C-alpha atoms as a PDB file:
ATOM      1  CA  UNK A   1     112.735 133.871 243.481  1.00  0.00           C
ATOM      2  CA  UNK A   2     115.392 136.193 242.028  1.00  0.00           C
ATOM      3  CA  UNK A   3     117.685 138.017 244.388  1.00  0.00           C
ATOM      4  CA  UNK A   4     116.276 141.451 243.508  1.00  0.00           C
ATOM      5  CA  UNK A   5     112.728 140.166 243.963  1.00  0.00           C
ATOM      6  CA  UNK A   6     113.683 138.770 247.356  1.00  0.00           C
ATOM      7  CA  UNK A   7     115.149 142.137 248.361  1.00  0.00           C
ATOM      8  CA  UNK A   8     112.037 143.923 247.211  1.00  0.00           C
ATOM      9  CA  UNK A   9     109.778 141.523 249.102  1.00  0.00           C
ATOM     10  CA  UNK A  10     111.804 142.021 252.284  1.00  0.00           C
ATOM     11  CA  UNK A  11     112.610 145.722 252.174  1.00  0.00           C
ATOM     12  CA  UNK A  12     109.850 147.226 249.982  1.00  0.00           C
ATOM     13  CA  UNK A  13     106.823 144.928 250.263  1.00  0.00           C
ATOM     14  CA  UNK A  14     104.384 147.683 249.192  1.00  0.00           C
ATOM     15  CA  UNK A  15     106.359 148.504 246.008  1.00  0.00           C
ATOM     16  CA  UNK A  16     106.968 152.165 246.844  1.00  0.00           C
ATOM     17  CA  UNK A  17     110.354 152.072 245.102  1.00  0.00           C
ATOM     18  CA  UNK A  18     111.977 153.357 248.284  1.00  0.00           C
ATOM     19  CA  UNK A  19     113.932 151.403 250.874  1.00  0.00           C
ATOM     20  CA  UNK A  20     114.403 153.469 254.010  1.00  0.00           C
ATOM     21  CA  UNK A  21     117.270 153.042 256.424  1.00  0.00           C
ATOM     22  CA  UNK A  22     114.717 152.408 259.179  1.00  0.00           C
ATOM     23  CA  UNK A  23     113.032 149.605 257.179  1.00  0.00           C
ATOM     24  CA  UNK A  24     116.427 148.105 256.346  1.00  0.00           C
ATOM     25  CA  UNK A  25     117.342 148.018 260.047  1.00  0.00           C
ATOM     26  CA  UNK A  26     113.916 146.658 261.064  1.00  0.00           C
ATOM     27  CA  UNK A  27     114.165 143.744 258.616  1.00  0.00           C
ATOM     28  CA  UNK A  28     117.689 142.907 259.763  1.00  0.00           C
ATOM     29  CA  UNK A  29     116.811 143.317 263.441  1.00  0.00           C
ATOM     30  CA  UNK A  30     119.421 146.021 263.983  1.00  0.00           C
ATOM     31  CA  UNK A  31     118.948 149.282 265.856  1.00  0.00           C
ATOM     32  CA  UNK A  32     119.638 152.253 263.532  1.00  0.00           C
ATOM     33  CA  UNK A  33     122.089 153.861 265.971  1.00  0.00           C
ATOM     34  CA  UNK A  34     124.079 150.610 266.201  1.00  0.00           C
ATOM     35  CA  UNK A  35     124.238 150.424 262.393  1.00  0.00           C
ATOM     36  CA  UNK A  36     125.457 154.029 262.163  1.00  0.00           C
ATOM     37  CA  UNK A  37     128.107 153.435 264.836  1.00  0.00           C
ATOM     38  CA  UNK A  38     129.325 150.270 263.119  1.00  0.00           C
ATOM     39  CA  UNK A  39     129.509 152.016 259.736  1.00  0.00           C
ATOM     40  CA  UNK A  40     131.518 154.873 261.223  1.00  0.00           C
ATOM     41  CA  UNK A  41     133.973 152.470 262.858  1.00  0.00           C
ATOM     42  CA  UNK A  42     134.448 150.587 259.573  1.00  0.00           C
ATOM     43  CA  UNK A  43     134.963 153.806 257.588  1.00  0.00           C
ATOM     44  CA  UNK A  44     137.311 155.285 260.202  1.00  0.00           C
ATOM     45  CA  UNK A  45     139.541 152.196 260.014  1.00  0.00           C
ATOM     46  CA  UNK A  46     139.845 152.113 256.214  1.00  0.00           C
ATOM     47  CA  UNK A  47     143.408 152.741 255.068  1.00  0.00           C
ATOM     48  CA  UNK A  48     144.039 155.530 252.585  1.00  0.00           C
ATOM     49  CA  UNK A  49     145.075 154.462 249.093  1.00  0.00           C
ATOM     50  CA  UNK A  50     148.807 154.943 248.485  1.00  0.00           C
ATOM     51  CA  UNK A  51     148.230 157.573 245.778  1.00  0.00           C
ATOM     52  CA  UNK A  52     146.106 159.751 248.075  1.00  0.00           C
ATOM     53  CA  UNK A  53     147.393 162.161 250.696  1.00  0.00           C
ATOM     54  CA  UNK A  54     145.240 164.304 252.985  1.00  0.00           C
ATOM     55  CA  UNK A  55     146.643 167.833 253.166  1.00  0.00           C
ATOM     56  CA  UNK A  56     144.055 169.338 255.498  1.00  0.00           C
ATOM     57  CA  UNK A  57     140.614 168.288 256.627  1.00  0.00           C
ATOM     58  CA  UNK A  58     137.725 169.361 258.778  1.00  0.00           C
ATOM     59  CA  UNK A  59     135.220 166.701 257.783  1.00  0.00           C
ATOM     60  CA  UNK A  60     133.988 163.297 258.899  1.00  0.00           C
ATOM     61  CA  UNK A  61     135.986 160.338 257.547  1.00  0.00           C
ATOM     62  CA  UNK A  62     132.792 158.956 256.017  1.00  0.00           C
ATOM     63  CA  UNK A  63     132.252 162.119 253.945  1.00  0.00           C
ATOM     64  CA  UNK A  64     135.939 162.251 253.017  1.00  0.00           C
ATOM     65  CA  UNK A  65     135.824 158.734 251.576  1.00  0.00           C
ATOM     66  CA  UNK A  66     132.703 159.548 249.563  1.00  0.00           C
ATOM     67  CA  UNK A  67     134.534 162.503 248.042  1.00  0.00           C
ATOM     68  CA  UNK A  68     137.730 160.504 247.399  1.00  0.00           C
ATOM     69  CA  UNK A  69     135.745 157.775 245.655  1.00  0.00           C
ATOM     70  CA  UNK A  70     133.787 160.225 243.516  1.00  0.00           C
ATOM     71  CA  UNK A  71     136.871 162.163 242.409  1.00  0.00           C
ATOM     72  CA  UNK A  72     138.719 158.927 241.608  1.00  0.00           C
ATOM     73  CA  UNK A  73     135.730 157.719 239.554  1.00  0.00           C
ATOM     74  CA  UNK A  74     135.979 160.854 237.384  1.00  0.00           C
ATOM     75  CA  UNK A  75     139.710 160.616 236.610  1.00  0.00           C
ATOM     76  CA  UNK A  76     139.351 158.163 233.711  1.00  0.00           C
ATOM     77  CA  UNK A  77     136.961 160.508 231.907  1.00  0.00           C
ATOM     78  CA  UNK A  78     139.847 162.802 230.867  1.00  0.00           C
ATOM     79  CA  UNK A  79     137.818 165.920 231.631  1.00  0.00           C
ATOM     80  CA  UNK A  80     139.302 169.391 231.332  1.00  0.00           C
ATOM     81  CA  UNK A  81     140.126 171.107 234.615  1.00  0.00           C
ATOM     82  CA  UNK A  82     137.077 173.328 234.216  1.00  0.00           C
ATOM     83  CA  UNK A  83     134.760 170.398 233.490  1.00  0.00           C
ATOM     84  CA  UNK A  84     136.219 168.408 236.386  1.00  0.00           C
ATOM     85  CA  UNK A  85     135.655 171.247 238.883  1.00  0.00           C
ATOM     86  CA  UNK A  86     132.077 171.678 237.629  1.00  0.00           C
ATOM     87  CA  UNK A  87     131.416 167.927 237.852  1.00  0.00           C
ATOM     88  CA  UNK A  88     132.762 167.747 241.425  1.00  0.00           C
ATOM     89  CA  UNK A  89     130.824 170.856 242.498  1.00  0.00           C
ATOM     90  CA  UNK A  90     127.555 169.562 241.037  1.00  0.00           C
ATOM     91  CA  UNK A  91     128.030 166.241 242.810  1.00  0.00           C
ATOM     92  CA  UNK A  92     128.931 167.910 246.141  1.00  0.00           C
ATOM     93  CA  UNK A  93     125.926 170.264 245.910  1.00  0.00           C
ATOM     94  CA  UNK A  94     123.616 167.335 245.191  1.00  0.00           C
ATOM     95  CA  UNK A  95     125.142 164.967 247.764  1.00  0.00           C
ATOM     96  CA  UNK A  96     125.826 167.327 250.692  1.00  0.00           C
ATOM     97  CA  UNK A  97     123.603 170.371 249.927  1.00  0.00           C
ATOM     98  CA  UNK A  98     124.576 173.496 247.941  1.00  0.00           C
ATOM     99  CA  UNK A  99     127.240 176.168 248.274  1.00  0.00           C
ATOM    100  CA  UNK A 100     130.419 174.146 247.639  1.00  0.00           C
ATOM    101  CA  UNK A 101     133.601 175.561 246.170  1.00  0.00           C
ATOM    102  CA  UNK A 102     136.083 173.436 244.232  1.00  0.00           C
ATOM    103  CA  UNK A 103     139.669 174.202 243.258  1.00  0.00           C
ATOM    104  CA  UNK A 104     142.021 171.826 241.453  1.00  0.00           C
ATOM    105  CA  UNK A 105     145.706 172.755 241.615  1.00  0.00           C
ATOM    106  CA  UNK A 106     148.886 171.520 239.933  1.00  0.00           C
ATOM    107  CA  UNK A 107     151.797 171.907 242.342  1.00  0.00           C
ATOM    108  CA  UNK A 108     152.054 174.197 245.359  1.00  0.00           C
ATOM    109  CA  UNK A 109     149.394 176.540 246.658  1.00  0.00           C
ATOM    110  CA  UNK A 110     148.584 178.816 249.560  1.00  0.00           C
ATOM    111  CA  UNK A 111     145.040 179.501 250.574  1.00  0.00           C
ATOM    112  CA  UNK A 112     143.086 181.153 253.341  1.00  0.00           C
ATOM    113  CA  UNK A 113     139.326 180.775 253.456  1.00  0.00           C
ATOM    114  CA  UNK A 114     136.283 180.385 255.692  1.00  0.00           C
ATOM    115  CA  UNK A 115     133.985 177.369 255.637  1.00  0.00           C
ATOM    116  CA  UNK A 116     131.141 175.749 257.502  1.00  0.00           C
ATOM    117  CA  UNK A 117     132.191 173.423 260.342  1.00  0.00           C
ATOM    118  CA  UNK A 118     133.015 169.882 259.185  1.00  0.00           C
ATOM    119  CA  UNK A 119     132.815 170.986 255.533  1.00  0.00           C
ATOM    120  CA  UNK A 120     136.389 171.362 254.291  1.00  0.00           C
ATOM    121  CA  UNK A 121     138.831 168.950 252.675  1.00  0.00           C
ATOM    122  CA  UNK A 122     142.133 169.318 250.845  1.00  0.00           C
ATOM    123  CA  UNK A 123     143.853 166.273 249.393  1.00  0.00           C
ATOM    124  CA  UNK A 124     146.367 165.207 246.797  1.00  0.00           C
ATOM    125  CA  UNK A 125     145.399 162.454 244.370  1.00  0.00           C
ATOM    126  CA  UNK A 126     147.965 161.443 241.787  1.00  0.00           C
ATOM    127  CA  UNK A 127     149.532 164.710 240.505  1.00  0.00           C
ATOM    128  CA  UNK A 128     146.786 167.147 241.507  1.00  0.00           C
ATOM    129  CA  UNK A 129     145.555 168.774 244.697  1.00  0.00           C
ATOM    130  CA  UNK A 130     141.818 169.036 245.276  1.00  0.00           C
ATOM    131  CA  UNK A 131     140.378 171.673 247.592  1.00  0.00           C
ATOM    132  CA  UNK A 132     136.683 171.541 248.452  1.00  0.00           C
ATOM    133  CA  UNK A 133     134.795 173.535 251.052  1.00  0.00           C
ATOM    134  CA  UNK A 134     131.275 174.668 251.742  1.00  0.00           C
ATOM    135  CA  UNK A 135     130.100 178.127 252.736  1.00  0.00           C
ATOM    136  CA  UNK A 136     126.697 179.234 254.047  1.00  0.00           C
ATOM    137  CA  UNK A 137     123.923 179.958 251.544  1.00  0.00           C
ATOM    138  CA  UNK A 138     123.151 183.662 251.317  1.00  0.00           C
END
């Protein structure tokens, strides 16, 4: 049996096309809360890449790493600044719910803004600073 067929037989035996976290944990014999705690401890202990510096953050480490990885994955596309901000915003809105703001800055900046709790991150990656934050939907 192929690996993907084995996975499907274990985690999606009724062919719904969806593997839930609960089903994944049930098959592996792991309690969901234990899996979440373990994932958080692994993510919290990951070292930052040398070319990345956190400037300011009010966000879970898990969400930060998702954002870092997405932004890094877009760098090779040589997008314009405008296209890059739109791409990041669309991804943030889809991944974490709408109402995100994205600013990409060369060099120094000063900023004052309001954001939802646990929904703000500023970091430097290579030569640019990335500022992302989420505000309430109105």
